[in-house]
Every structure is written in C-alpha cells, then in structure tokens.
Amino acid sequence: MADPLAHWSRAMSERFLSAYRETATGKRLYPPEAEPTAALIRHFLLRKALYEIRYELHNRPEWAAIPLQGILELL
C-alpha cells in the first residue's frame, strides 16, 4: 500500500497548484505556456528545499533528511 502521508501531500500540492493556476492565469507575471510555468514552480520548490537544508543543518541536523528527500523527489 502506498504511503498515506505521501498521497495526502501530493493531493494537497495538486489542489494548491490548481487553485494558484486558476487565480494567476492571465496575470502579467504568470507565464501562459505550461512548460515555463512548471519550470518556474520547480525552481522555487528547489530554492525552498535548499533553504530548508541549510536551516536544518544549523538548527536540527537530524532533520536534514526531510528537505533532502524533497530535493530527490524534485529531481
């Protein structure tokens, strides 16, 4: 059986991105094509995960695996 938490996380991410796309589509700073939009979202997710790794290594090194897992999933 698949991990219920991973399933929930993916479902919530998809809902958030769907609502974001619905709100942002047609706005000046939102790319109209799907691929540049997906690349932009991946870029920001990667930046956030890298920030989280740095934070965890300085504050809670035992938690660093969490953002590392996120990076692996992005790649």
PDB file of N, CA and C in Angstrom:
ATOM      1  N   MET A   1       0.849  -1.190   0.000  1.00  0.00           N
ATOM      2  CA  MET A   1       0.000   0.000   0.000  1.00  0.00           C
ATOM      3  C   MET A   1       0.887   1.243   0.000  1.00  0.00           C
ATOM      4  N   ALA A   2       0.495   2.233  -0.743  1.00  0.00           N
ATOM      5  CA  ALA A   2       1.250   3.485  -0.813  1.00  0.00           C
ATOM      6  C   ALA A   2       1.183   4.224   0.518  1.00  0.00           C
ATOM      7  N   ASP A   3       2.171   5.031   0.738  1.00  0.00           N
ATOM      8  CA  ASP A   3       2.251   5.834   1.963  1.00  0.00           C
ATOM      9  C   ASP A   3       1.105   6.843   1.991  1.00  0.00           C
ATOM     10  N   PRO A   4       0.190   6.767   2.975  1.00  0.00           N
ATOM     11  CA  PRO A   4      -0.949   7.691   3.023  1.00  0.00           C
ATOM     12  C   PRO A   4      -0.523   9.145   3.152  1.00  0.00           C
ATOM     13  N   LEU A   5       0.565   9.405   3.892  1.00  0.00           N
ATOM     14  CA  LEU A   5       1.024  10.782   4.047  1.00  0.00           C
ATOM     15  C   LEU A   5       1.545  11.334   2.725  1.00  0.00           C
ATOM     16  N   ALA A   6       2.277  10.521   1.965  1.00  0.00           N
ATOM     17  CA  ALA A   6       2.777  10.952   0.655  1.00  0.00           C
ATOM     18  C   ALA A   6       1.601  11.212  -0.287  1.00  0.00           C
ATOM     19  N   HIS A   7       0.593  10.353  -0.232  1.00  0.00           N
ATOM     20  CA  HIS A   7      -0.603  10.545  -1.065  1.00  0.00           C
ATOM     21  C   HIS A   7      -1.302  11.858  -0.699  1.00  0.00           C
ATOM     22  N   TRP A   8      -1.477  12.098   0.590  1.00  0.00           N
ATOM     23  CA  TRP A   8      -2.124  13.329   1.050  1.00  0.00           C
ATOM     24  C   TRP A   8      -1.312  14.554   0.614  1.00  0.00           C
ATOM     25  N   SER A   9       0.006  14.483   0.780  1.00  0.00           N
ATOM     26  CA  SER A   9       0.869  15.601   0.407  1.00  0.00           C
ATOM     27  C   SER A   9       0.761  15.914  -1.088  1.00  0.00           C
ATOM     28  N   ARG A  10       0.788  14.882  -1.923  1.00  0.00           N
ATOM     29  CA  ARG A  10       0.648  15.102  -3.372  1.00  0.00           C
ATOM     30  C   ARG A  10      -0.710  15.691  -3.708  1.00  0.00           C
ATOM     31  N   ALA A  11      -1.761  15.160  -3.078  1.00  0.00           N
ATOM     32  CA  ALA A  11      -3.114  15.650  -3.349  1.00  0.00           C
ATOM     33  C   ALA A  11      -3.255  17.125  -2.960  1.00  0.00           C
ATOM     34  N   MET A  12      -2.716  17.502  -1.805  1.00  0.00           N
ATOM     35  CA  MET A  12      -2.809  18.891  -1.358  1.00  0.00           C
ATOM     36  C   MET A  12      -1.975  19.813  -2.258  1.00  0.00           C
ATOM     37  N   SER A  13      -0.820  19.343  -2.672  1.00  0.00           N
ATOM     38  CA  SER A  13       0.012  20.131  -3.587  1.00  0.00           C
ATOM     39  C   SER A  13      -0.720  20.367  -4.912  1.00  0.00           C
ATOM     40  N   GLU A  14      -1.337  19.314  -5.431  1.00  0.00           N
ATOM     41  CA  GLU A  14      -2.085  19.450  -6.683  1.00  0.00           C
ATOM     42  C   GLU A  14      -3.253  20.420  -6.531  1.00  0.00           C
ATOM     43  N   ARG A  15      -3.955  20.346  -5.414  1.00  0.00           N
ATOM     44  CA  ARG A  15      -5.072  21.283  -5.187  1.00  0.00           C
ATOM     45  C   ARG A  15      -4.587  22.722  -5.081  1.00  0.00           C
ATOM     46  N   PHE A  16      -3.495  22.915  -4.348  1.00  0.00           N
ATOM     47  CA  PHE A  16      -2.951  24.259  -4.200  1.00  0.00           C
ATOM     48  C   PHE A  16      -2.527  24.811  -5.560  1.00  0.00           C
ATOM     49  N   LEU A  17      -1.777  24.025  -6.329  1.00  0.00           N
ATOM     50  CA  LEU A  17      -1.302  24.499  -7.628  1.00  0.00           C
ATOM     51  C   LEU A  17      -2.456  24.734  -8.597  1.00  0.00           C
ATOM     52  N   SER A  18      -3.484  23.917  -8.511  1.00  0.00           N
ATOM     53  CA  SER A  18      -4.656  24.114  -9.356  1.00  0.00           C
ATOM     54  C   SER A  18      -5.344  25.446  -9.033  1.00  0.00           C
ATOM     55  N   ALA A  19      -5.533  25.717  -7.753  1.00  0.00           N
ATOM     56  CA  ALA A  19      -6.150  26.984  -7.337  1.00  0.00           C
ATOM     57  C   ALA A  19      -5.251  28.167  -7.702  1.00  0.00           C
ATOM     58  N   TYR A  20      -3.937  27.985  -7.551  1.00  0.00           N
ATOM     59  CA  TYR A  20      -2.999  29.051  -7.896  1.00  0.00           C
ATOM     60  C   TYR A  20      -3.077  29.349  -9.391  1.00  0.00           C
ATOM     61  N   ARG A  21      -3.058  28.281 -10.219  1.00  0.00           N
ATOM     62  CA  ARG A  21      -3.155  28.471 -11.675  1.00  0.00           C
ATOM     63  C   ARG A  21      -4.447  29.192 -12.040  1.00  0.00           C
ATOM     64  N   GLU A  22      -5.539  28.776 -11.426  1.00  0.00           N
ATOM     65  CA  GLU A  22      -6.835  29.389 -11.724  1.00  0.00           C
ATOM     66  C   GLU A  22      -6.819  30.884 -11.405  1.00  0.00           C
ATOM     67  N   THR A  23      -6.193  31.240 -10.294  1.00  0.00           N
ATOM     68  CA  THR A  23      -6.135  32.639  -9.877  1.00  0.00           C
ATOM     69  C   THR A  23      -5.133  33.442 -10.700  1.00  0.00           C
ATOM     70  N   ALA A  24      -3.984  32.840 -11.023  1.00  0.00           N
ATOM     71  CA  ALA A  24      -2.894  33.575 -11.658  1.00  0.00           C
ATOM     72  C   ALA A  24      -2.967  33.619 -13.177  1.00  0.00           C
ATOM     73  N   THR A  25      -3.676  32.679 -13.804  1.00  0.00           N
ATOM     74  CA  THR A  25      -3.737  32.640 -15.266  1.00  0.00           C
ATOM     75  C   THR A  25      -4.259  33.968 -15.805  1.00  0.00           C
ATOM     76  N   GLY A  26      -3.535  34.473 -16.800  1.00  0.00           N
ATOM     77  CA  GLY A  26      -3.908  35.744 -17.412  1.00  0.00           C
ATOM     78  C   GLY A  26      -3.263  36.954 -16.756  1.00  0.00           C
ATOM     79  N   LYS A  27      -2.613  36.749 -15.626  1.00  0.00           N
ATOM     80  CA  LYS A  27      -1.929  37.855 -14.952  1.00  0.00           C
ATOM     81  C   LYS A  27      -0.601  38.110 -15.647  1.00  0.00           C
ATOM     82  N   ARG A  28      -0.109  39.297 -15.546  1.00  0.00           N
ATOM     83  CA  ARG A  28       1.081  39.737 -16.270  1.00  0.00           C
ATOM     84  C   ARG A  28       2.331  38.918 -15.951  1.00  0.00           C
ATOM     85  N   LEU A  29       2.548  38.525 -14.722  1.00  0.00           N
ATOM     86  CA  LEU A  29       3.767  37.823 -14.350  1.00  0.00           C
ATOM     87  C   LEU A  29       3.647  36.296 -14.417  1.00  0.00           C
ATOM     88  N   TYR A  30       2.517  35.782 -14.822  1.00  0.00           N
ATOM     89  CA  TYR A  30       2.307  34.340 -14.888  1.00  0.00           C
ATOM     90  C   TYR A  30       2.486  33.874 -16.331  1.00  0.00           C
ATOM     91  N   PRO A  31       3.452  32.974 -16.593  1.00  0.00           N
ATOM     92  CA  PRO A  31       3.686  32.529 -17.966  1.00  0.00           C
ATOM     93  C   PRO A  31       2.455  31.811 -18.540  1.00  0.00           C
ATOM     94  N   PRO A  32       2.085  32.127 -19.775  1.00  0.00           N
ATOM     95  CA  PRO A  32       0.898  31.490 -20.356  1.00  0.00           C
ATOM     96  C   PRO A  32       1.128  30.041 -20.798  1.00  0.00           C
ATOM     97  N   GLU A  33       2.378  29.655 -21.063  1.00  0.00           N
ATOM     98  CA  GLU A  33       2.658  28.292 -21.513  1.00  0.00           C
ATOM     99  C   GLU A  33       2.904  27.382 -20.306  1.00  0.00           C
ATOM    100  N   ALA A  34       2.544  26.114 -20.449  1.00  0.00           N
ATOM    101  CA  ALA A  34       2.635  25.174 -19.326  1.00  0.00           C
ATOM    102  C   ALA A  34       4.076  24.883 -18.918  1.00  0.00           C
ATOM    103  N   GLU A  35       4.982  24.654 -19.871  1.00  0.00           N
ATOM    104  CA  GLU A  35       6.343  24.244 -19.508  1.00  0.00           C
ATOM    105  C   GLU A  35       7.110  25.337 -18.757  1.00  0.00           C
ATOM    106  N   PRO A  36       7.101  26.598 -19.209  1.00  0.00           N
ATOM    107  CA  PRO A  36       7.787  27.622 -18.401  1.00  0.00           C
ATOM    108  C   PRO A  36       7.185  27.767 -17.006  1.00  0.00           C
ATOM    109  N   THR A  37       5.896  27.593 -16.892  1.00  0.00           N
ATOM    110  CA  THR A  37       5.245  27.671 -15.586  1.00  0.00           C
ATOM    111  C   THR A  37       5.718  26.532 -14.692  1.00  0.00           C
ATOM    112  N   ALA A  38       5.760  25.316 -15.223  1.00  0.00           N
ATOM    113  CA  ALA A  38       6.221  24.166 -14.447  1.00  0.00           C
ATOM    114  C   ALA A  38       7.684  24.342 -14.041  1.00  0.00           C
ATOM    115  N   ALA A  39       8.516  24.863 -14.946  1.00  0.00           N
ATOM    116  CA  ALA A  39       9.931  25.089 -14.626  1.00  0.00           C
ATOM    117  C   ALA A  39      10.067  26.135 -13.521  1.00  0.00           C
ATOM    118  N   LEU A  40       9.261  27.167 -13.574  1.00  0.00           N
ATOM    119  CA  LEU A  40       9.297  28.214 -12.558  1.00  0.00           C
ATOM    120  C   LEU A  40       8.899  27.657 -11.185  1.00  0.00           C
ATOM    121  N   ILE A  41       7.868  26.842 -11.153  1.00  0.00           N
ATOM    122  CA  ILE A  41       7.433  26.241  -9.890  1.00  0.00           C
ATOM    123  C   ILE A  41       8.512  25.312  -9.345  1.00  0.00           C
ATOM    124  N   ARG A  42       9.121  24.479 -10.209  1.00  0.00           N
ATOM    125  CA  ARG A  42      10.209  23.597  -9.763  1.00  0.00           C
ATOM    126  C   ARG A  42      11.377  24.418  -9.218  1.00  0.00           C
ATOM    127  N   HIS A  43      11.680  25.535  -9.881  1.00  0.00           N
ATOM    128  CA  HIS A  43      12.767  26.407  -9.426  1.00  0.00           C
ATOM    129  C   HIS A  43      12.510  26.889  -7.994  1.00  0.00           C
ATOM    130  N   PHE A  44      11.316  27.388  -7.738  1.00  0.00           N
ATOM    131  CA  PHE A  44      11.007  27.909  -6.409  1.00  0.00           C
ATOM    132  C   PHE A  44      10.950  26.791  -5.359  1.00  0.00           C
ATOM    133  N   LEU A  45      10.457  25.619  -5.739  1.00  0.00           N
ATOM    134  CA  LEU A  45      10.444  24.491  -4.799  1.00  0.00           C
ATOM    135  C   LEU A  45      11.871  24.064  -4.455  1.00  0.00           C
ATOM    136  N   LEU A  46      12.745  24.053  -5.439  1.00  0.00           N
ATOM    137  CA  LEU A  46      14.140  23.695  -5.193  1.00  0.00           C
ATOM    138  C   LEU A  46      14.820  24.725  -4.298  1.00  0.00           C
ATOM    139  N   ARG A  47      14.598  26.006  -4.561  1.00  0.00           N
ATOM    140  CA  ARG A  47      15.171  27.058  -3.707  1.00  0.00           C
ATOM    141  C   ARG A  47      14.708  26.906  -2.265  1.00  0.00           C
ATOM    142  N   LYS A  48      13.423  26.624  -2.086  1.00  0.00           N
ATOM    143  CA  LYS A  48      12.875  26.461  -0.740  1.00  0.00           C
ATOM    144  C   LYS A  48      13.507  25.257  -0.050  1.00  0.00           C
ATOM    145  N   ALA A  49      13.645  24.147  -0.769  1.00  0.00           N
ATOM    146  CA  ALA A  49      14.243  22.949  -0.184  1.00  0.00           C
ATOM    147  C   ALA A  49      15.709  23.189   0.183  1.00  0.00           C
ATOM    148  N   LEU A  50      16.442  23.924  -0.641  1.00  0.00           N
ATOM    149  CA  LEU A  50      17.839  24.233  -0.322  1.00  0.00           C
ATOM    150  C   LEU A  50      17.926  25.122   0.926  1.00  0.00           C
ATOM    151  N   TYR A  51      17.031  26.075   1.028  1.00  0.00           N
ATOM    152  CA  TYR A  51      16.972  26.905   2.231  1.00  0.00           C
ATOM    153  C   TYR A  51      16.700  26.029   3.463  1.00  0.00           C
ATOM    154  N   GLU A  52      15.760  25.094   3.315  1.00  0.00           N
ATOM    155  CA  GLU A  52      15.403  24.234   4.444  1.00  0.00           C
ATOM    156  C   GLU A  52      16.571  23.344   4.863  1.00  0.00           C
ATOM    157  N   ILE A  53      17.343  22.859   3.898  1.00  0.00           N
ATOM    158  CA  ILE A  53      18.518  22.053   4.253  1.00  0.00           C
ATOM    159  C   ILE A  53      19.475  22.881   5.100  1.00  0.00           C
ATOM    160  N   ARG A  54      19.765  24.086   4.649  1.00  0.00           N
ATOM    161  CA  ARG A  54      20.673  24.947   5.411  1.00  0.00           C
ATOM    162  C   ARG A  54      20.135  25.199   6.815  1.00  0.00           C
ATOM    163  N   TYR A  55      18.853  25.501   6.908  1.00  0.00           N
ATOM    164  CA  TYR A  55      18.245  25.750   8.214  1.00  0.00           C
ATOM    165  C   TYR A  55      18.379  24.526   9.117  1.00  0.00           C
ATOM    166  N   GLU A  56      18.008  23.363   8.585  1.00  0.00           N
ATOM    167  CA  GLU A  56      18.042  22.154   9.402  1.00  0.00           C
ATOM    168  C   GLU A  56      19.468  21.794   9.811  1.00  0.00           C
ATOM    169  N   LEU A  57      20.437  21.947   8.921  1.00  0.00           N
ATOM    170  CA  LEU A  57      21.819  21.633   9.276  1.00  0.00           C
ATOM    171  C   LEU A  57      22.332  22.529  10.398  1.00  0.00           C
ATOM    172  N   HIS A  58      21.856  23.777  10.444  1.00  0.00           N
ATOM    173  CA  HIS A  58      22.286  24.695  11.503  1.00  0.00           C
ATOM    174  C   HIS A  58      21.502  24.538  12.799  1.00  0.00           C
ATOM    175  N   ASN A  59      20.273  24.075  12.706  1.00  0.00           N
ATOM    176  CA  ASN A  59      19.410  24.043  13.889  1.00  0.00           C
ATOM    177  C   ASN A  59      19.012  22.645  14.355  1.00  0.00           C
ATOM    178  N   ARG A  60      18.739  21.768  13.412  1.00  0.00           N
ATOM    179  CA  ARG A  60      18.303  20.405  13.756  1.00  0.00           C
ATOM    180  C   ARG A  60      18.893  19.438  12.730  1.00  0.00           C
ATOM    181  N   PRO A  61      20.172  19.170  12.816  1.00  0.00           N
ATOM    182  CA  PRO A  61      20.821  18.340  11.794  1.00  0.00           C
ATOM    183  C   PRO A  61      20.142  16.983  11.570  1.00  0.00           C
ATOM    184  N   GLU A  62      19.529  16.462  12.611  1.00  0.00           N
ATOM    185  CA  GLU A  62      18.881  15.160  12.463  1.00  0.00           C
ATOM    186  C   GLU A  62      17.653  15.218  11.552  1.00  0.00           C
ATOM    187  N   TRP A  63      17.167  16.414  11.240  1.00  0.00           N
ATOM    188  CA  TRP A  63      16.011  16.579  10.361  1.00  0.00           C
ATOM    189  C   TRP A  63      16.400  16.873   8.915  1.00  0.00           C
ATOM    190  N   ALA A  64      17.665  16.973   8.608  1.00  0.00           N
ATOM    191  CA  ALA A  64      18.116  17.353   7.264  1.00  0.00           C
ATOM    192  C   ALA A  64      17.635  16.385   6.187  1.00  0.00           C
ATOM    193  N   ALA A  65      17.340  15.164   6.564  1.00  0.00           N
ATOM    194  CA  ALA A  65      16.875  14.179   5.574  1.00  0.00           C
ATOM    195  C   ALA A  65      15.531  14.575   4.959  1.00  0.00           C
ATOM    196  N   ILE A  66      14.741  15.350   5.678  1.00  0.00           N
ATOM    197  CA  ILE A  66      13.414  15.722   5.174  1.00  0.00           C
ATOM    198  C   ILE A  66      13.530  16.603   3.929  1.00  0.00           C
ATOM    199  N   PRO A  67      14.245  17.739   3.975  1.00  0.00           N
ATOM    200  CA  PRO A  67      14.377  18.518   2.736  1.00  0.00           C
ATOM    201  C   PRO A  67      15.207  17.799   1.675  1.00  0.00           C
ATOM    202  N   LEU A  68      16.153  16.943   2.086  1.00  0.00           N
ATOM    203  CA  LEU A  68      16.905  16.175   1.099  1.00  0.00           C
ATOM    204  C   LEU A  68      15.963  15.259   0.316  1.00  0.00           C
ATOM    205  N   GLN A  69      15.019  14.653   0.993  1.00  0.00           N
ATOM    206  CA  GLN A  69      14.037  13.810   0.310  1.00  0.00           C
ATOM    207  C   GLN A  69      13.210  14.639  -0.682  1.00  0.00           C
ATOM    208  N   GLY A  70      12.860  15.849  -0.285  1.00  0.00           N
ATOM    209  CA  GLY A  70      12.118  16.726  -1.185  1.00  0.00           C
ATOM    210  C   GLY A  70      12.898  17.045  -2.448  1.00  0.00           C
ATOM    211  N   ILE A  71      14.190  17.267  -2.293  1.00  0.00           N
ATOM    212  CA  ILE A  71      15.044  17.550  -3.453  1.00  0.00           C
ATOM    213  C   ILE A  71      15.102  16.328  -4.365  1.00  0.00           C
ATOM    214  N   LEU A  72      15.256  15.154  -3.779  1.00  0.00           N
ATOM    215  CA  LEU A  72      15.276  13.935  -4.587  1.00  0.00           C
ATOM    216  C   LEU A  72      13.969  13.769  -5.378  1.00  0.00           C
ATOM    217  N   GLU A  73      12.859  14.078  -4.758  1.00  0.00           N
ATOM    218  CA  GLU A  73      11.580  13.973  -5.449  1.00  0.00           C
ATOM    219  C   GLU A  73      11.466  15.001  -6.578  1.00  0.00           C
ATOM    220  N   LEU A  74      12.023  16.190  -6.378  1.00  0.00           N
ATOM    221  CA  LEU A  74      12.001  17.206  -7.434  1.00  0.00           C
ATOM    222  C   LEU A  74      12.855  16.803  -8.630  1.00  0.00           C
ATOM    223  N   LEU A  75      13.966  16.153  -8.338  1.00  0.00           N
ATOM    224  CA  LEU A  75      14.895  15.772  -9.407  1.00  0.00           C
ATOM    225  C   LEU A  75      14.399  14.503 -10.086  1.00  0.00           C
TER     226      LEU A  75
END
